[in-house]
Amino acid sequence: MGFVDKVLKTGKDAATKAKDFAGEHTEQVKGAIDKVEGFADKATKGKYTQKIESVGNKAGSAVDKLKKES
C-alpha cells in the first residue's frame, strides 16, 4: 500500500468515525453548532446573522439526517 492509499484510507476511516459520532451524539453536535453560530455572529458584529443562521440550520438538518441513518 502506497502513501496516497494510506492517506485515503485514513481519511475515509476518519469520515466514518465522525459520521458515527454525529449520529450517536446529535444533541452535543447541534449544541456545538449553536455555539459556533453565536461566536461567528459576534465576530462579524451581526453583519451576517441571516447567513450564519441559514448555514447553522443546514448543518443541524444534516446532523438529523445522520441520526436517522444510524
Protein backbone atom coordinates (compact mmCIF):
# COMPACT_ATOMS: atom_id res chain seq x y z
CA MET A 1 0.00 0.00 0.00
CA GLY A 2 1.45 3.32 -1.08
CA PHE A 3 1.48 6.58 0.80
CA VAL A 4 -1.50 8.02 -1.07
CA ASP A 5 -3.53 4.87 -0.43
CA LYS A 6 -2.76 5.11 3.30
CA VAL A 7 -3.81 8.76 3.38
CA LEU A 8 -7.06 7.99 1.55
CA LYS A 9 -7.84 5.08 3.88
CA THR A 10 -7.13 7.21 6.94
CA GLY A 11 -9.40 9.95 5.58
CA LYS A 12 -12.22 7.50 4.91
CA ASP A 13 -11.84 6.00 8.39
CA ALA A 14 -11.94 9.46 9.98
CA ALA A 15 -15.04 10.42 7.99
CA THR A 16 -16.79 7.23 9.04
CA LYS A 17 -15.96 7.82 12.70
CA ALA A 18 -17.13 11.43 12.51
CA LYS A 19 -20.40 10.35 10.88
CA ASP A 20 -20.97 7.69 13.55
CA PHE A 21 -20.22 10.17 16.34
CA ALA A 22 -22.58 12.78 14.92
CA GLY A 23 -25.33 10.20 14.57
CA GLU A 24 -24.91 8.96 18.14
CA HIS A 25 -24.41 12.35 19.82
CA THR A 26 -26.83 14.53 17.90
CA GLU A 27 -27.66 16.93 20.71
CA GLN A 28 -23.99 17.56 21.54
CA VAL A 29 -23.15 18.26 17.91
CA LYS A 30 -26.15 20.58 17.49
CA GLY A 31 -25.12 22.39 20.69
CA ALA A 32 -21.66 22.92 19.22
CA ILE A 33 -23.22 24.24 16.01
CA ASP A 34 -25.24 26.75 18.06
CA LYS A 35 -22.10 27.90 19.89
CA VAL A 36 -20.24 28.39 16.62
CA GLU A 37 -23.18 30.36 15.23
CA GLY A 38 -23.08 32.67 18.25
CA PHE A 39 -19.31 33.10 18.02
CA ALA A 40 -19.44 33.84 14.28
CA ASP A 41 -22.30 36.31 14.72
CA LYS A 42 -20.43 38.10 17.49
CA ALA A 43 -17.19 38.14 15.48
CA THR A 44 -18.96 39.70 12.48
CA LYS A 45 -20.91 42.09 14.74
CA GLY A 46 -24.23 40.84 13.39
CA LYS A 47 -23.42 41.76 9.80
CA TYR A 48 -24.09 38.22 8.51
CA THR A 49 -26.66 36.97 11.03
CA GLN A 50 -29.10 35.60 8.46
CA LYS A 51 -26.41 33.77 6.50
CA ILE A 52 -24.90 32.32 9.68
CA GLU A 53 -28.30 31.10 10.86
CA SER A 54 -29.02 29.61 7.44
CA VAL A 55 -25.78 27.63 7.46
CA GLY A 56 -26.41 26.57 11.07
CA ASN A 57 -29.87 25.31 10.16
CA LYS A 58 -28.48 23.33 7.22
CA ALA A 59 -25.79 21.82 9.44
CA GLY A 60 -28.42 20.88 12.03
CA SER A 61 -30.53 19.23 9.34
CA ALA A 62 -27.51 17.26 8.16
CA VAL A 63 -26.90 16.03 11.72
CA ASP A 64 -30.55 14.99 11.99
CA LYS A 65 -30.19 13.08 8.75
CA LEU A 66 -27.12 11.26 10.13
CA LYS A 67 -29.10 10.30 13.23
CA LYS A 68 -31.79 8.69 11.07
CA GLU A 69 -29.15 6.74 9.16
CA SER A 70 -27.56 5.29 12.29
